[in-house]
Amino acid sequence: MENEIFKALLDLVSLLNRPDRDKKMIANAGVNLEPTTFRVFGGVVHLQPTSVGDLAAMMGKNYSSVSRQIDKLETAGLVHTYASSADSRIRISELTPYGEEVYAKISDTRERIMQEALSDWSQEDRQELLYKLRRLFDSMLKID
């Protein structure tokens, strides 16, 4: 049973991580981001304020690759970076007001997609899914 649960999770993560789905999400949201930059943008949204090192670790990417994407996001006005107060060698990133606007468009698009995917699910089924996903996440954190 545990292997089947793990396989189902891998199937879901693989589906969510497909670059073609990112491209479709970007197009549907009406934003101008490259798929690789989009992923780093999403990481900043999820962890902000965050360091390049923490983003790289979360994404399984190397530091320099993530750093280059952060530079692109900063040039586009989506993120603001600054030196960490604890260690000036560490660069911290967070969304700018414009980045927040772009994220709102992406979030609205993601919500529409999830509503469509769950359209034949009852509210109770949705709530149960959320509860069980959070419970699984919390349980897996305990074994690290």
C-alpha atoms as a PDB file:
ATOM      1  CA  MET A   1       0.000   0.000   0.000  1.00  0.00           C
ATOM      2  CA  GLU A   2       2.780   2.468   0.922  1.00  0.00           C
ATOM      3  CA  ASN A   3       4.474   1.948  -2.449  1.00  0.00           C
ATOM      4  CA  GLU A   4       1.197   2.686  -4.229  1.00  0.00           C
ATOM      5  CA  ILE A   5       0.752   5.889  -2.190  1.00  0.00           C
ATOM      6  CA  PHE A   6       4.308   6.921  -3.058  1.00  0.00           C
ATOM      7  CA  LYS A   7       3.710   6.154  -6.742  1.00  0.00           C
ATOM      8  CA  ALA A   8       0.523   8.232  -6.719  1.00  0.00           C
ATOM      9  CA  LEU A   9       2.436  11.129  -5.150  1.00  0.00           C
ATOM     10  CA  LEU A  10       5.175  10.834  -7.786  1.00  0.00           C
ATOM     11  CA  ASP A  11       2.543  10.804 -10.517  1.00  0.00           C
ATOM     12  CA  LEU A  12       1.016  13.988  -9.110  1.00  0.00           C
ATOM     13  CA  VAL A  13       4.351  15.771  -8.621  1.00  0.00           C
ATOM     14  CA  SER A  14       5.476  14.741 -12.104  1.00  0.00           C
ATOM     15  CA  LEU A  15       2.271  16.133 -13.588  1.00  0.00           C
ATOM     16  CA  LEU A  16       2.607  19.410 -11.695  1.00  0.00           C
ATOM     17  CA  ASN A  17       6.280  19.790 -12.684  1.00  0.00           C
ATOM     18  CA  ARG A  18       5.813  19.406 -16.442  1.00  0.00           C
ATOM     19  CA  PRO A  19       7.208  22.415 -18.344  1.00  0.00           C
ATOM     20  CA  ASP A  20       4.343  22.306 -20.844  1.00  0.00           C
ATOM     21  CA  ARG A  21       1.885  22.785 -17.973  1.00  0.00           C
ATOM     22  CA  ASP A  22       3.953  25.731 -16.711  1.00  0.00           C
ATOM     23  CA  LYS A  23       3.837  27.290 -20.189  1.00  0.00           C
ATOM     24  CA  LYS A  24       0.060  26.861 -20.292  1.00  0.00           C
ATOM     25  CA  MET A  25      -0.293  28.354 -16.798  1.00  0.00           C
ATOM     26  CA  ILE A  26       1.846  31.351 -17.788  1.00  0.00           C
ATOM     27  CA  ALA A  27      -0.159  31.893 -20.984  1.00  0.00           C
ATOM     28  CA  ASN A  28      -3.525  31.526 -19.221  1.00  0.00           C
ATOM     29  CA  ALA A  29      -2.448  33.990 -16.534  1.00  0.00           C
ATOM     30  CA  GLY A  30      -1.334  36.455 -19.181  1.00  0.00           C
ATOM     31  CA  VAL A  31       2.107  36.965 -17.663  1.00  0.00           C
ATOM     32  CA  ASN A  32       5.483  37.102 -19.358  1.00  0.00           C
ATOM     33  CA  LEU A  33       7.787  34.587 -17.660  1.00  0.00           C
ATOM     34  CA  GLU A  34      10.061  31.843 -18.948  1.00  0.00           C
ATOM     35  CA  PRO A  35       9.151  28.413 -17.509  1.00  0.00           C
ATOM     36  CA  THR A  36      12.450  28.126 -15.574  1.00  0.00           C
ATOM     37  CA  THR A  37      12.035  31.627 -14.191  1.00  0.00           C
ATOM     38  CA  PHE A  38       8.401  30.844 -13.394  1.00  0.00           C
ATOM     39  CA  ARG A  39       9.488  27.984 -11.148  1.00  0.00           C
ATOM     40  CA  VAL A  40      11.942  30.140  -9.220  1.00  0.00           C
ATOM     41  CA  PHE A  41       9.280  32.848  -8.953  1.00  0.00           C
ATOM     42  CA  GLY A  42       6.957  30.255  -7.427  1.00  0.00           C
ATOM     43  CA  GLY A  43       9.668  29.258  -4.972  1.00  0.00           C
ATOM     44  CA  VAL A  44      10.122  32.862  -3.871  1.00  0.00           C
ATOM     45  CA  VAL A  45       6.356  33.172  -3.419  1.00  0.00           C
ATOM     46  CA  HIS A  46       6.275  30.030  -1.280  1.00  0.00           C
ATOM     47  CA  LEU A  47       9.308  30.767   0.911  1.00  0.00           C
ATOM     48  CA  GLN A  48       9.639  34.558   0.969  1.00  0.00           C
ATOM     49  CA  PRO A  49      11.663  36.136   2.245  1.00  0.00           C
ATOM     50  CA  THR A  50      14.167  33.523   1.164  1.00  0.00           C
ATOM     51  CA  SER A  51      17.787  33.041   0.214  1.00  0.00           C
ATOM     52  CA  VAL A  52      19.118  31.682  -3.052  1.00  0.00           C
ATOM     53  CA  GLY A  53      20.546  28.722  -1.118  1.00  0.00           C
ATOM     54  CA  ASP A  54      17.171  27.825   0.399  1.00  0.00           C
ATOM     55  CA  LEU A  55      15.486  28.117  -2.996  1.00  0.00           C
ATOM     56  CA  ALA A  56      18.139  25.933  -4.626  1.00  0.00           C
ATOM     57  CA  ALA A  57      17.737  23.292  -1.905  1.00  0.00           C
ATOM     58  CA  MET A  58      13.933  23.278  -2.210  1.00  0.00           C
ATOM     59  CA  MET A  59      14.057  23.028  -5.997  1.00  0.00           C
ATOM     60  CA  GLY A  60      16.938  20.554  -6.250  1.00  0.00           C
ATOM     61  CA  LYS A  61      18.865  23.008  -8.440  1.00  0.00           C
ATOM     62  CA  ASN A  62      22.376  24.368  -8.136  1.00  0.00           C
ATOM     63  CA  TYR A  63      22.982  27.733  -6.517  1.00  0.00           C
ATOM     64  CA  SER A  64      24.300  29.482  -9.634  1.00  0.00           C
ATOM     65  CA  SER A  65      21.330  28.429 -11.760  1.00  0.00           C
ATOM     66  CA  VAL A  66      18.832  29.749  -9.202  1.00  0.00           C
ATOM     67  CA  SER A  67      20.898  32.906  -8.732  1.00  0.00           C
ATOM     68  CA  ARG A  68      20.713  33.621 -12.479  1.00  0.00           C
ATOM     69  CA  GLN A  69      16.929  33.218 -12.416  1.00  0.00           C
ATOM     70  CA  ILE A  70      16.679  35.546  -9.409  1.00  0.00           C
ATOM     71  CA  ASP A  71      18.674  38.115 -11.392  1.00  0.00           C
ATOM     72  CA  LYS A  72      16.148  37.821 -14.236  1.00  0.00           C
ATOM     73  CA  LEU A  73      13.242  38.219 -11.818  1.00  0.00           C
ATOM     74  CA  GLU A  74      14.875  41.269 -10.275  1.00  0.00           C
ATOM     75  CA  THR A  75      15.545  42.817 -13.708  1.00  0.00           C
ATOM     76  CA  ALA A  76      11.867  42.242 -14.573  1.00  0.00           C
ATOM     77  CA  GLY A  77      10.864  44.050 -11.364  1.00  0.00           C
ATOM     78  CA  LEU A  78       9.212  40.982  -9.839  1.00  0.00           C
ATOM     79  CA  VAL A  79      11.537  40.494  -6.867  1.00  0.00           C
ATOM     80  CA  HIS A  80      13.680  42.699  -4.698  1.00  0.00           C
ATOM     81  CA  THR A  81      16.923  41.340  -3.301  1.00  0.00           C
ATOM     82  CA  TYR A  82      19.014  42.580  -0.406  1.00  0.00           C
ATOM     83  CA  ALA A  83      21.807  41.350   1.838  1.00  0.00           C
ATOM     84  CA  SER A  84      20.813  39.327   4.865  1.00  0.00           C
ATOM     85  CA  SER A  85      21.179  41.176   8.154  1.00  0.00           C
ATOM     86  CA  ALA A  86      22.692  38.010   9.660  1.00  0.00           C
ATOM     87  CA  ASP A  87      25.270  37.457   6.900  1.00  0.00           C
ATOM     88  CA  SER A  88      25.870  40.008   4.151  1.00  0.00           C
ATOM     89  CA  ARG A  89      27.097  37.255   1.791  1.00  0.00           C
ATOM     90  CA  ILE A  90      23.562  35.837   1.706  1.00  0.00           C
ATOM     91  CA  ARG A  91      21.151  37.451  -0.732  1.00  0.00           C
ATOM     92  CA  ILE A  92      17.503  37.526   0.346  1.00  0.00           C
ATOM     93  CA  SER A  93      14.657  37.744  -2.177  1.00  0.00           C
ATOM     94  CA  GLU A  94      11.043  38.746  -1.822  1.00  0.00           C
ATOM     95  CA  LEU A  95       8.288  39.911  -4.144  1.00  0.00           C
ATOM     96  CA  THR A  96       7.921  43.526  -5.155  1.00  0.00           C
ATOM     97  CA  PRO A  97       4.442  45.077  -5.380  1.00  0.00           C
ATOM     98  CA  TYR A  98       4.542  44.293  -9.120  1.00  0.00           C
ATOM     99  CA  GLY A  99       5.568  40.715  -8.286  1.00  0.00           C
ATOM    100  CA  GLU A 100       2.550  40.498  -5.976  1.00  0.00           C
ATOM    101  CA  GLU A 101       0.294  41.605  -8.868  1.00  0.00           C
ATOM    102  CA  VAL A 102       1.766  38.972 -11.177  1.00  0.00           C
ATOM    103  CA  TYR A 103       1.430  36.342  -8.461  1.00  0.00           C
ATOM    104  CA  ALA A 104      -2.246  37.287  -8.006  1.00  0.00           C
ATOM    105  CA  LYS A 105      -2.862  36.595 -11.715  1.00  0.00           C
ATOM    106  CA  ILE A 106      -1.098  33.236 -11.472  1.00  0.00           C
ATOM    107  CA  SER A 107      -2.967  32.375  -8.280  1.00  0.00           C
ATOM    108  CA  ASP A 108      -6.328  33.185  -9.894  1.00  0.00           C
ATOM    109  CA  THR A 109      -5.435  30.980 -12.871  1.00  0.00           C
ATOM    110  CA  ARG A 110      -4.303  28.138 -10.611  1.00  0.00           C
ATOM    111  CA  GLU A 111      -7.523  28.400  -8.627  1.00  0.00           C
ATOM    112  CA  ARG A 112      -9.621  28.149 -11.822  1.00  0.00           C
ATOM    113  CA  ILE A 113      -7.651  25.070 -12.882  1.00  0.00           C
ATOM    114  CA  MET A 114      -8.161  23.411  -9.488  1.00  0.00           C
ATOM    115  CA  GLN A 115     -11.871  24.279  -9.523  1.00  0.00           C
ATOM    116  CA  GLU A 116     -12.165  22.623 -12.920  1.00  0.00           C
ATOM    117  CA  ALA A 117     -10.199  19.554 -11.790  1.00  0.00           C
ATOM    118  CA  LEU A 118     -12.328  19.212  -8.654  1.00  0.00           C
ATOM    119  CA  SER A 119     -15.643  20.199 -10.230  1.00  0.00           C
ATOM    120  CA  ASP A 120     -17.202  16.793  -9.616  1.00  0.00           C
ATOM    121  CA  TRP A 121     -15.880  16.536  -6.034  1.00  0.00           C
ATOM    122  CA  SER A 122     -18.116  17.410  -3.109  1.00  0.00           C
ATOM    123  CA  GLN A 123     -17.033  20.103  -0.663  1.00  0.00           C
ATOM    124  CA  GLU A 124     -16.599  17.336   1.909  1.00  0.00           C
ATOM    125  CA  ASP A 125     -14.278  15.395  -0.448  1.00  0.00           C
ATOM    126  CA  ARG A 126     -12.234  18.541  -1.071  1.00  0.00           C
ATOM    127  CA  GLN A 127     -11.925  19.238   2.640  1.00  0.00           C
ATOM    128  CA  GLU A 128     -10.921  15.633   3.304  1.00  0.00           C
ATOM    129  CA  LEU A 129      -8.257  15.778   0.573  1.00  0.00           C
ATOM    130  CA  LEU A 130      -6.800  18.961   2.030  1.00  0.00           C
ATOM    131  CA  TYR A 131      -6.789  17.515   5.532  1.00  0.00           C
ATOM    132  CA  LYS A 132      -5.113  14.276   4.432  1.00  0.00           C
ATOM    133  CA  LEU A 133      -2.483  16.015   2.300  1.00  0.00           C
ATOM    134  CA  ARG A 134      -1.586  18.274   5.234  1.00  0.00           C
ATOM    135  CA  ARG A 135      -1.554  15.278   7.570  1.00  0.00           C
ATOM    136  CA  LEU A 136       0.763  13.355   5.231  1.00  0.00           C
ATOM    137  CA  PHE A 137       3.062  16.372   4.960  1.00  0.00           C
ATOM    138  CA  ASP A 138       3.206  16.740   8.760  1.00  0.00           C
ATOM    139  CA  SER A 139       3.830  13.009   9.202  1.00  0.00           C
ATOM    140  CA  MET A 140       6.664  13.023   6.700  1.00  0.00           C
ATOM    141  CA  LEU A 141       8.277  16.008   8.406  1.00  0.00           C
ATOM    142  CA  LYS A 142       8.488  13.990  11.620  1.00  0.00           C
ATOM    143  CA  ILE A 143      10.701  11.303  10.042  1.00  0.00           C
ATOM    144  CA  ASP A 144      13.456  13.606   8.758  1.00  0.00           C
END
